[in-house]
Amino acid sequence: MTLFTKIIRGDIPSYRCAENDEFYAFLDINPVTAGHTLVVPKHETDYFFDLSDEEIGRMMVFCKRVAAAIAKVFPCKKVGVAVMGLDVNHAHVHLAPLQSEVDMDFGKKKLQLPAEEMQAIADKILAAFSE
């Protein structure tokens, strides 16, 4: 069982930003920017490109809705998208509000935000997603 499956099941707490029957979105605990969100399928698949074409399509439409919610909460030039999947063996998409390309540099020092701020961010994104 992957770390993300444990998060989806509620075994490990997370800052939920959005959810439907197939996908779960939550704040990255080591964000590159405030609002950095991960979107995962609720079933375990190691590699993003092992998902079916149809599932990738549905996941990206879900990501689009999450990105729109992020943009409402964090005025930004764009919401960046990255698919890497090296840290956790569970397909996932990174969404992060961007003012410049360096905002999505995964090699830079990550933010350390207090739990209260993380919860407030997640609550705002969830509210915007639910509108």
C-alpha atoms as a PDB file:
ATOM      1  CA  MET A   1       0.000   0.000   0.000  1.00  0.00           C
ATOM      2  CA  THR A   2       1.416   3.365  -1.013  1.00  0.00           C
ATOM      3  CA  LEU A   3       1.686   6.489   1.109  1.00  0.00           C
ATOM      4  CA  PHE A   4      -0.947   8.124  -1.100  1.00  0.00           C
ATOM      5  CA  THR A   5      -3.358   5.211  -0.636  1.00  0.00           C
ATOM      6  CA  LYS A   6      -2.971   5.639   3.132  1.00  0.00           C
ATOM      7  CA  ILE A   7      -3.749   9.351   2.696  1.00  0.00           C
ATOM      8  CA  ILE A   8      -6.815   8.622   0.536  1.00  0.00           C
ATOM      9  CA  ARG A   9      -8.097   6.083   3.111  1.00  0.00           C
ATOM     10  CA  GLY A  10      -7.577   8.602   5.926  1.00  0.00           C
ATOM     11  CA  ASP A  11      -4.909   6.505   7.671  1.00  0.00           C
ATOM     12  CA  ILE A  12      -2.544   9.470   7.294  1.00  0.00           C
ATOM     13  CA  PRO A  13      -3.982  12.985   7.679  1.00  0.00           C
ATOM     14  CA  SER A  14      -3.944  15.326   4.695  1.00  0.00           C
ATOM     15  CA  TYR A  15      -5.085  18.770   3.673  1.00  0.00           C
ATOM     16  CA  ARG A  16      -7.906  17.833   1.273  1.00  0.00           C
ATOM     17  CA  CYS A  17      -8.552  20.317  -1.535  1.00  0.00           C
ATOM     18  CA  ALA A  18     -10.951  18.360  -3.780  1.00  0.00           C
ATOM     19  CA  GLU A  19     -12.354  14.888  -4.275  1.00  0.00           C
ATOM     20  CA  ASN A  20     -14.686  12.843  -6.442  1.00  0.00           C
ATOM     21  CA  ASP A  21     -15.304   9.111  -6.872  1.00  0.00           C
ATOM     22  CA  GLU A  22     -12.051   8.578  -8.802  1.00  0.00           C
ATOM     23  CA  PHE A  23      -9.567  11.224  -7.700  1.00  0.00           C
ATOM     24  CA  TYR A  24      -8.297  12.929  -4.563  1.00  0.00           C
ATOM     25  CA  ALA A  25      -6.492  16.282  -4.368  1.00  0.00           C
ATOM     26  CA  PHE A  26      -4.504  17.411  -1.340  1.00  0.00           C
ATOM     27  CA  LEU A  27      -1.771  19.895  -0.464  1.00  0.00           C
ATOM     28  CA  ASP A  28       1.827  18.780  -0.883  1.00  0.00           C
ATOM     29  CA  ILE A  29       3.381  18.836   2.597  1.00  0.00           C
ATOM     30  CA  ASN A  30       6.668  20.035   1.034  1.00  0.00           C
ATOM     31  CA  PRO A  31       5.310  22.663  -1.348  1.00  0.00           C
ATOM     32  CA  VAL A  32       7.304  24.577  -3.945  1.00  0.00           C
ATOM     33  CA  THR A  33       4.712  27.383  -3.612  1.00  0.00           C
ATOM     34  CA  ALA A  34       1.798  27.992  -1.280  1.00  0.00           C
ATOM     35  CA  GLY A  35      -1.137  26.140  -2.816  1.00  0.00           C
ATOM     36  CA  HIS A  36       0.998  23.344  -4.343  1.00  0.00           C
ATOM     37  CA  THR A  37      -1.516  20.514  -4.706  1.00  0.00           C
ATOM     38  CA  LEU A  38      -1.211  16.840  -5.640  1.00  0.00           C
ATOM     39  CA  VAL A  39      -3.925  15.017  -7.579  1.00  0.00           C
ATOM     40  CA  VAL A  40      -3.978  11.211  -7.390  1.00  0.00           C
ATOM     41  CA  PRO A  41      -6.239   8.436  -8.626  1.00  0.00           C
ATOM     42  CA  LYS A  42      -7.924   6.614  -5.767  1.00  0.00           C
ATOM     43  CA  HIS A  43      -6.644   3.272  -6.997  1.00  0.00           C
ATOM     44  CA  GLU A  44      -2.955   2.426  -6.945  1.00  0.00           C
ATOM     45  CA  THR A  45      -1.167   2.709 -10.250  1.00  0.00           C
ATOM     46  CA  ASP A  46       2.582   3.250 -10.076  1.00  0.00           C
ATOM     47  CA  TYR A  47       3.189   5.141 -13.311  1.00  0.00           C
ATOM     48  CA  PHE A  48       1.010   7.914 -14.705  1.00  0.00           C
ATOM     49  CA  PHE A  49       1.267   6.545 -18.242  1.00  0.00           C
ATOM     50  CA  ASP A  50       0.069   3.117 -17.091  1.00  0.00           C
ATOM     51  CA  LEU A  51      -3.364   4.677 -16.548  1.00  0.00           C
ATOM     52  CA  SER A  52      -5.832   4.072 -19.383  1.00  0.00           C
ATOM     53  CA  ASP A  53      -6.303   6.821 -21.944  1.00  0.00           C
ATOM     54  CA  GLU A  54      -9.816   7.385 -20.624  1.00  0.00           C
ATOM     55  CA  GLU A  55      -8.640   7.639 -17.017  1.00  0.00           C
ATOM     56  CA  ILE A  56      -5.880  10.089 -17.946  1.00  0.00           C
ATOM     57  CA  GLY A  57      -8.520  12.181 -19.684  1.00  0.00           C
ATOM     58  CA  ARG A  58     -10.827  12.180 -16.673  1.00  0.00           C
ATOM     59  CA  MET A  59      -7.911  12.895 -14.346  1.00  0.00           C
ATOM     60  CA  MET A  60      -6.795  15.875 -16.392  1.00  0.00           C
ATOM     61  CA  VAL A  61     -10.350  17.275 -16.476  1.00  0.00           C
ATOM     62  CA  PHE A  62     -10.409  16.915 -12.668  1.00  0.00           C
ATOM     63  CA  CYS A  63      -6.979  18.627 -12.525  1.00  0.00           C
ATOM     64  CA  LYS A  64      -8.368  21.456 -14.647  1.00  0.00           C
ATOM     65  CA  ARG A  65     -11.137  22.056 -12.090  1.00  0.00           C
ATOM     66  CA  VAL A  66      -8.624  21.928  -9.215  1.00  0.00           C
ATOM     67  CA  ALA A  67      -6.313  24.336 -11.076  1.00  0.00           C
ATOM     68  CA  ALA A  68      -9.209  26.774 -11.553  1.00  0.00           C
ATOM     69  CA  ALA A  69      -9.883  26.622  -7.793  1.00  0.00           C
ATOM     70  CA  ILE A  70      -6.193  27.200  -7.021  1.00  0.00           C
ATOM     71  CA  ALA A  71      -6.158  30.222  -9.350  1.00  0.00           C
ATOM     72  CA  LYS A  72      -9.177  31.700  -7.532  1.00  0.00           C
ATOM     73  CA  VAL A  73      -7.381  31.414  -4.194  1.00  0.00           C
ATOM     74  CA  PHE A  74      -3.906  32.392  -5.401  1.00  0.00           C
ATOM     75  CA  PRO A  75      -3.959  35.076  -8.088  1.00  0.00           C
ATOM     76  CA  CYS A  76      -1.184  33.901 -10.381  1.00  0.00           C
ATOM     77  CA  LYS A  77      -0.050  34.064 -13.992  1.00  0.00           C
ATOM     78  CA  LYS A  78      -0.770  30.353 -14.478  1.00  0.00           C
ATOM     79  CA  VAL A  79      -1.116  27.128 -12.561  1.00  0.00           C
ATOM     80  CA  GLY A  80       1.818  24.898 -13.451  1.00  0.00           C
ATOM     81  CA  VAL A  81       1.448  21.176 -14.099  1.00  0.00           C
ATOM     82  CA  ALA A  82       4.105  18.511 -13.593  1.00  0.00           C
ATOM     83  CA  VAL A  83       4.037  14.732 -13.759  1.00  0.00           C
ATOM     84  CA  MET A  84       7.157  13.097 -12.355  1.00  0.00           C
ATOM     85  CA  GLY A  85       6.263  10.251 -10.025  1.00  0.00           C
ATOM     86  CA  LEU A  86       9.718   9.437  -8.712  1.00  0.00           C
ATOM     87  CA  ASP A  87       9.167  10.006  -4.985  1.00  0.00           C
ATOM     88  CA  VAL A  88       5.985   7.959  -4.463  1.00  0.00           C
ATOM     89  CA  ASN A  89       5.022   4.909  -6.521  1.00  0.00           C
ATOM     90  CA  HIS A  90       1.469   6.130  -7.061  1.00  0.00           C
ATOM     91  CA  ALA A  91       0.553   8.125 -10.167  1.00  0.00           C
ATOM     92  CA  HIS A  92       0.133  11.806  -9.352  1.00  0.00           C
ATOM     93  CA  VAL A  93       0.029  15.275 -10.862  1.00  0.00           C
ATOM     94  CA  HIS A  94       1.530  18.387  -9.259  1.00  0.00           C
ATOM     95  CA  LEU A  95      -0.401  21.666  -9.592  1.00  0.00           C
ATOM     96  CA  ALA A  96       1.230  24.868  -8.347  1.00  0.00           C
ATOM     97  CA  PRO A  97       0.344  28.558  -8.710  1.00  0.00           C
ATOM     98  CA  LEU A  98       3.076  30.335 -10.669  1.00  0.00           C
ATOM     99  CA  GLN A  99       4.316  33.870 -11.030  1.00  0.00           C
ATOM    100  CA  SER A 100       7.436  32.668 -12.893  1.00  0.00           C
ATOM    101  CA  GLU A 101       8.975  29.392 -14.065  1.00  0.00           C
ATOM    102  CA  VAL A 102      11.322  29.214 -11.072  1.00  0.00           C
ATOM    103  CA  ASP A 103       8.269  28.774  -8.844  1.00  0.00           C
ATOM    104  CA  MET A 104       8.053  25.184 -10.110  1.00  0.00           C
ATOM    105  CA  ASP A 105      11.714  24.335  -9.498  1.00  0.00           C
ATOM    106  CA  PHE A 106      11.526  21.103  -7.515  1.00  0.00           C
ATOM    107  CA  GLY A 107      15.242  21.349  -6.690  1.00  0.00           C
ATOM    108  CA  LYS A 108      14.860  24.505  -4.616  1.00  0.00           C
ATOM    109  CA  LYS A 109      14.260  24.568  -0.878  1.00  0.00           C
ATOM    110  CA  LYS A 110      10.641  23.687  -0.110  1.00  0.00           C
ATOM    111  CA  LEU A 111       8.346  25.867   1.956  1.00  0.00           C
ATOM    112  CA  GLN A 112       7.599  24.977   5.567  1.00  0.00           C
ATOM    113  CA  LEU A 113       4.130  26.336   6.288  1.00  0.00           C
ATOM    114  CA  PRO A 114       2.414  26.055   9.681  1.00  0.00           C
ATOM    115  CA  ALA A 115      -0.416  23.506   9.947  1.00  0.00           C
ATOM    116  CA  GLU A 116      -2.983  26.266  10.473  1.00  0.00           C
ATOM    117  CA  GLU A 117      -1.940  27.981   7.244  1.00  0.00           C
ATOM    118  CA  MET A 118      -1.980  24.682   5.322  1.00  0.00           C
ATOM    119  CA  GLN A 119      -5.501  23.947   6.588  1.00  0.00           C
ATOM    120  CA  ALA A 120      -6.684  27.455   5.687  1.00  0.00           C
ATOM    121  CA  ILE A 121      -5.269  27.080   2.161  1.00  0.00           C
ATOM    122  CA  ALA A 122      -6.883  23.652   1.698  1.00  0.00           C
ATOM    123  CA  ASP A 123     -10.227  24.965   2.973  1.00  0.00           C
ATOM    124  CA  LYS A 124     -10.119  27.889   0.531  1.00  0.00           C
ATOM    125  CA  ILE A 125      -9.250  25.669  -2.450  1.00  0.00           C
ATOM    126  CA  LEU A 126     -11.991  23.186  -1.480  1.00  0.00           C
ATOM    127  CA  ALA A 127     -14.536  26.023  -1.223  1.00  0.00           C
ATOM    128  CA  ALA A 128     -13.495  27.380  -4.643  1.00  0.00           C
ATOM    129  CA  PHE A 129     -13.626  23.854  -6.126  1.00  0.00           C
ATOM    130  CA  SER A 130     -17.126  23.329  -4.733  1.00  0.00           C
ATOM    131  CA  GLU A 131     -18.548  26.568  -6.219  1.00  0.00           C
END
